[in-house]
Amino acid sequence: FSKIKHFRAIATRYEKHADNYLALVKLAAIQIWLRNYESVS
């Protein structure tokens, strides 16, 4: 969770609707996962 907080829009919660916020969290998690996957392979 601490890695997701590095994304400014998530840490400050710019989105007012829960669906949009959840989409941002998912996108951030995908980006983090891709960075880790890229560095391993």
PDB file of N, CA and C in Angstrom:
ATOM      1  N   PHE A   1       0.821  -1.202   0.000  1.00  0.00           N
ATOM      2  CA  PHE A   1       0.000   0.000   0.000  1.00  0.00           C
ATOM      3  C   PHE A   1       0.859   1.257   0.000  1.00  0.00           C
ATOM      4  N   SER A   2       2.019   1.188   0.596  1.00  0.00           N
ATOM      5  CA  SER A   2       2.870   2.377   0.650  1.00  0.00           C
ATOM      6  C   SER A   2       3.359   2.781  -0.737  1.00  0.00           C
ATOM      7  N   LYS A   3       3.525   1.812  -1.631  1.00  0.00           N
ATOM      8  CA  LYS A   3       3.947   2.146  -2.992  1.00  0.00           C
ATOM      9  C   LYS A   3       2.844   2.874  -3.751  1.00  0.00           C
ATOM     10  N   ILE A   4       1.607   2.526  -3.457  1.00  0.00           N
ATOM     11  CA  ILE A   4       0.477   3.182  -4.135  1.00  0.00           C
ATOM     12  C   ILE A   4       0.363   4.637  -3.686  1.00  0.00           C
ATOM     13  N   LYS A   5       0.767   4.937  -2.467  1.00  0.00           N
ATOM     14  CA  LYS A   5       0.681   6.301  -1.959  1.00  0.00           C
ATOM     15  C   LYS A   5       1.596   7.273  -2.706  1.00  0.00           C
ATOM     16  N   HIS A   6       2.566   6.741  -3.451  1.00  0.00           N
ATOM     17  CA  HIS A   6       3.442   7.609  -4.229  1.00  0.00           C
ATOM     18  C   HIS A   6       2.717   8.249  -5.407  1.00  0.00           C
ATOM     19  N   PHE A   7       1.565   7.714  -5.769  1.00  0.00           N
ATOM     20  CA  PHE A   7       0.767   8.301  -6.826  1.00  0.00           C
ATOM     21  C   PHE A   7      -0.064   9.430  -6.215  1.00  0.00           C
ATOM     22  N   ARG A   8       0.176  10.639  -6.678  1.00  0.00           N
ATOM     23  CA  ARG A   8      -0.398  11.822  -6.037  1.00  0.00           C
ATOM     24  C   ARG A   8      -1.928  11.827  -6.038  1.00  0.00           C
ATOM     25  N   ALA A   9      -2.531  11.434  -7.132  1.00  0.00           N
ATOM     26  CA  ALA A   9      -3.997  11.457  -7.211  1.00  0.00           C
ATOM     27  C   ALA A   9      -4.634  10.488  -6.221  1.00  0.00           C
ATOM     28  N   ILE A  10      -3.936   9.429  -5.913  1.00  0.00           N
ATOM     29  CA  ILE A  10      -4.483   8.460  -4.962  1.00  0.00           C
ATOM     30  C   ILE A  10      -4.256   8.935  -3.530  1.00  0.00           C
ATOM     31  N   ALA A  11      -3.074   9.449  -3.269  1.00  0.00           N
ATOM     32  CA  ALA A  11      -2.753   9.882  -1.906  1.00  0.00           C
ATOM     33  C   ALA A  11      -3.629  11.036  -1.463  1.00  0.00           C
ATOM     34  N   THR A  12      -3.954  11.944  -2.384  1.00  0.00           N
ATOM     35  CA  THR A  12      -4.769  13.094  -2.011  1.00  0.00           C
ATOM     36  C   THR A  12      -6.246  12.888  -2.312  1.00  0.00           C
ATOM     37  N   ARG A  13      -6.565  11.807  -2.969  1.00  0.00           N
ATOM     38  CA  ARG A  13      -7.929  11.432  -3.327  1.00  0.00           C
ATOM     39  C   ARG A  13      -8.640  12.565  -4.068  1.00  0.00           C
ATOM     40  N   TYR A  14      -8.179  12.830  -5.292  1.00  0.00           N
ATOM     41  CA  TYR A  14      -8.804  13.854  -6.120  1.00  0.00           C
ATOM     42  C   TYR A  14     -10.201  13.438  -6.579  1.00  0.00           C
ATOM     43  N   GLU A  15     -10.371  12.159  -6.842  1.00  0.00           N
ATOM     44  CA  GLU A  15     -11.658  11.682  -7.361  1.00  0.00           C
ATOM     45  C   GLU A  15     -12.711  11.668  -6.261  1.00  0.00           C
ATOM     46  N   LYS A  16     -13.894  12.131  -6.597  1.00  0.00           N
ATOM     47  CA  LYS A  16     -14.961  12.181  -5.609  1.00  0.00           C
ATOM     48  C   LYS A  16     -15.837  10.930  -5.642  1.00  0.00           C
ATOM     49  N   HIS A  17     -15.862  10.258  -6.779  1.00  0.00           N
ATOM     50  CA  HIS A  17     -16.683   9.057  -6.907  1.00  0.00           C
ATOM     51  C   HIS A  17     -15.847   7.817  -6.626  1.00  0.00           C
ATOM     52  N   ALA A  18     -16.431   6.885  -5.907  1.00  0.00           N
ATOM     53  CA  ALA A  18     -15.704   5.684  -5.495  1.00  0.00           C
ATOM     54  C   ALA A  18     -15.250   4.851  -6.694  1.00  0.00           C
ATOM     55  N   ASP A  19     -16.062   4.780  -7.736  1.00  0.00           N
ATOM     56  CA  ASP A  19     -15.692   3.992  -8.913  1.00  0.00           C
ATOM     57  C   ASP A  19     -14.451   4.555  -9.597  1.00  0.00           C
ATOM     58  N   ASN A  20     -14.385   5.855  -9.725  1.00  0.00           N
ATOM     59  CA  ASN A  20     -13.218   6.482 -10.348  1.00  0.00           C
ATOM     60  C   ASN A  20     -11.974   6.301  -9.486  1.00  0.00           C
ATOM     61  N   TYR A  21     -12.137   6.409  -8.177  1.00  0.00           N
ATOM     62  CA  TYR A  21     -11.007   6.225  -7.271  1.00  0.00           C
ATOM     63  C   TYR A  21     -10.493   4.791  -7.338  1.00  0.00           C
ATOM     64  N   LEU A  22     -11.406   3.831  -7.369  1.00  0.00           N
ATOM     65  CA  LEU A  22     -11.013   2.433  -7.473  1.00  0.00           C
ATOM     66  C   LEU A  22     -10.279   2.164  -8.780  1.00  0.00           C
ATOM     67  N   ALA A  23     -10.713   2.798  -9.856  1.00  0.00           N
ATOM     68  CA  ALA A  23     -10.029   2.642 -11.146  1.00  0.00           C
ATOM     69  C   ALA A  23      -8.607   3.181 -11.067  1.00  0.00           C
ATOM     70  N   LEU A  24      -8.412   4.310 -10.395  1.00  0.00           N
ATOM     71  CA  LEU A  24      -7.062   4.858 -10.217  1.00  0.00           C
ATOM     72  C   LEU A  24      -6.182   3.921  -9.395  1.00  0.00           C
ATOM     73  N   VAL A  25      -6.750   3.338  -8.360  1.00  0.00           N
ATOM     74  CA  VAL A  25      -5.992   2.404  -7.528  1.00  0.00           C
ATOM     75  C   VAL A  25      -5.577   1.187  -8.345  1.00  0.00           C
ATOM     76  N   LYS A  26      -6.487   0.696  -9.175  1.00  0.00           N
ATOM     77  CA  LYS A  26      -6.169  -0.465 -10.020  1.00  0.00           C
ATOM     78  C   LYS A  26      -5.088  -0.129 -11.038  1.00  0.00           C
ATOM     79  N   LEU A  27      -5.174   1.042 -11.643  1.00  0.00           N
ATOM     80  CA  LEU A  27      -4.152   1.446 -12.607  1.00  0.00           C
ATOM     81  C   LEU A  27      -2.787   1.586 -11.938  1.00  0.00           C
ATOM     82  N   ALA A  28      -2.756   2.152 -10.756  1.00  0.00           N
ATOM     83  CA  ALA A  28      -1.498   2.291 -10.035  1.00  0.00           C
ATOM     84  C   ALA A  28      -0.923   0.920  -9.683  1.00  0.00           C
ATOM     85  N   ALA A  29      -1.787   0.005  -9.261  1.00  0.00           N
ATOM     86  CA  ALA A  29      -1.317  -1.339  -8.920  1.00  0.00           C
ATOM     87  C   ALA A  29      -0.761  -2.050 -10.144  1.00  0.00           C
ATOM     88  N   ILE A  30      -1.390  -1.864 -11.294  1.00  0.00           N
ATOM     89  CA  ILE A  30      -0.897  -2.468 -12.529  1.00  0.00           C
ATOM     90  C   ILE A  30       0.456  -1.896 -12.900  1.00  0.00           C
ATOM     91  N   GLN A  31       0.614  -0.582 -12.767  1.00  0.00           N
ATOM     92  CA  GLN A  31       1.905   0.033 -13.084  1.00  0.00           C
ATOM     93  C   GLN A  31       3.010  -0.476 -12.161  1.00  0.00           C
ATOM     94  N   ILE A  32       2.712  -0.600 -10.883  1.00  0.00           N
ATOM     95  CA  ILE A  32       3.698  -1.113  -9.932  1.00  0.00           C
ATOM     96  C   ILE A  32       4.042  -2.556 -10.275  1.00  0.00           C
ATOM     97  N   TRP A  33       3.038  -3.359 -10.587  1.00  0.00           N
ATOM     98  CA  TRP A  33       3.266  -4.759 -10.923  1.00  0.00           C
ATOM     99  C   TRP A  33       4.110  -4.876 -12.186  1.00  0.00           C
ATOM    100  N   LEU A  34       3.825  -4.046 -13.182  1.00  0.00           N
ATOM    101  CA  LEU A  34       4.603  -4.099 -14.419  1.00  0.00           C
ATOM    102  C   LEU A  34       6.055  -3.686 -14.194  1.00  0.00           C
ATOM    103  N   ARG A  35       6.278  -2.706 -13.360  1.00  0.00           N
ATOM    104  CA  ARG A  35       7.658  -2.301 -13.055  1.00  0.00           C
ATOM    105  C   ARG A  35       8.420  -3.427 -12.376  1.00  0.00           C
ATOM    106  N   ASN A  36       7.779  -4.097 -11.438  1.00  0.00           N
ATOM    107  CA  ASN A  36       8.426  -5.213 -10.736  1.00  0.00           C
ATOM    108  C   ASN A  36       8.655  -6.381 -11.690  1.00  0.00           C
ATOM    109  N   TYR A  37       7.685  -6.653 -12.542  1.00  0.00           N
ATOM    110  CA  TYR A  37       7.800  -7.757 -13.493  1.00  0.00           C
ATOM    111  C   TYR A  37       8.898  -7.473 -14.503  1.00  0.00           C
ATOM    112  N   GLU A  38       9.006  -6.223 -14.919  1.00  0.00           N
ATOM    113  CA  GLU A  38      10.024  -5.826 -15.896  1.00  0.00           C
ATOM    114  C   GLU A  38      11.416  -5.939 -15.311  1.00  0.00           C
ATOM    115  N   SER A  39      11.578  -5.585 -14.065  1.00  0.00           N
ATOM    116  CA  SER A  39      12.903  -5.614 -13.436  1.00  0.00           C
ATOM    117  C   SER A  39      13.353  -7.041 -13.146  1.00  0.00           C
ATOM    118  N   VAL A  40      12.407  -7.955 -12.967  1.00  0.00           N
ATOM    119  CA  VAL A  40      12.749  -9.347 -12.669  1.00  0.00           C
ATOM    120  C   VAL A  40      13.178 -10.072 -13.923  1.00  0.00           C
ATOM    121  N   SER A  41      12.494  -9.825 -15.026  1.00  0.00           N
ATOM    122  CA  SER A  41      12.808 -10.575 -16.251  1.00  0.00           C
ATOM    123  C   SER A  41      13.849  -9.918 -17.107  1.00  0.00           C
TER     124      SER A  41
END
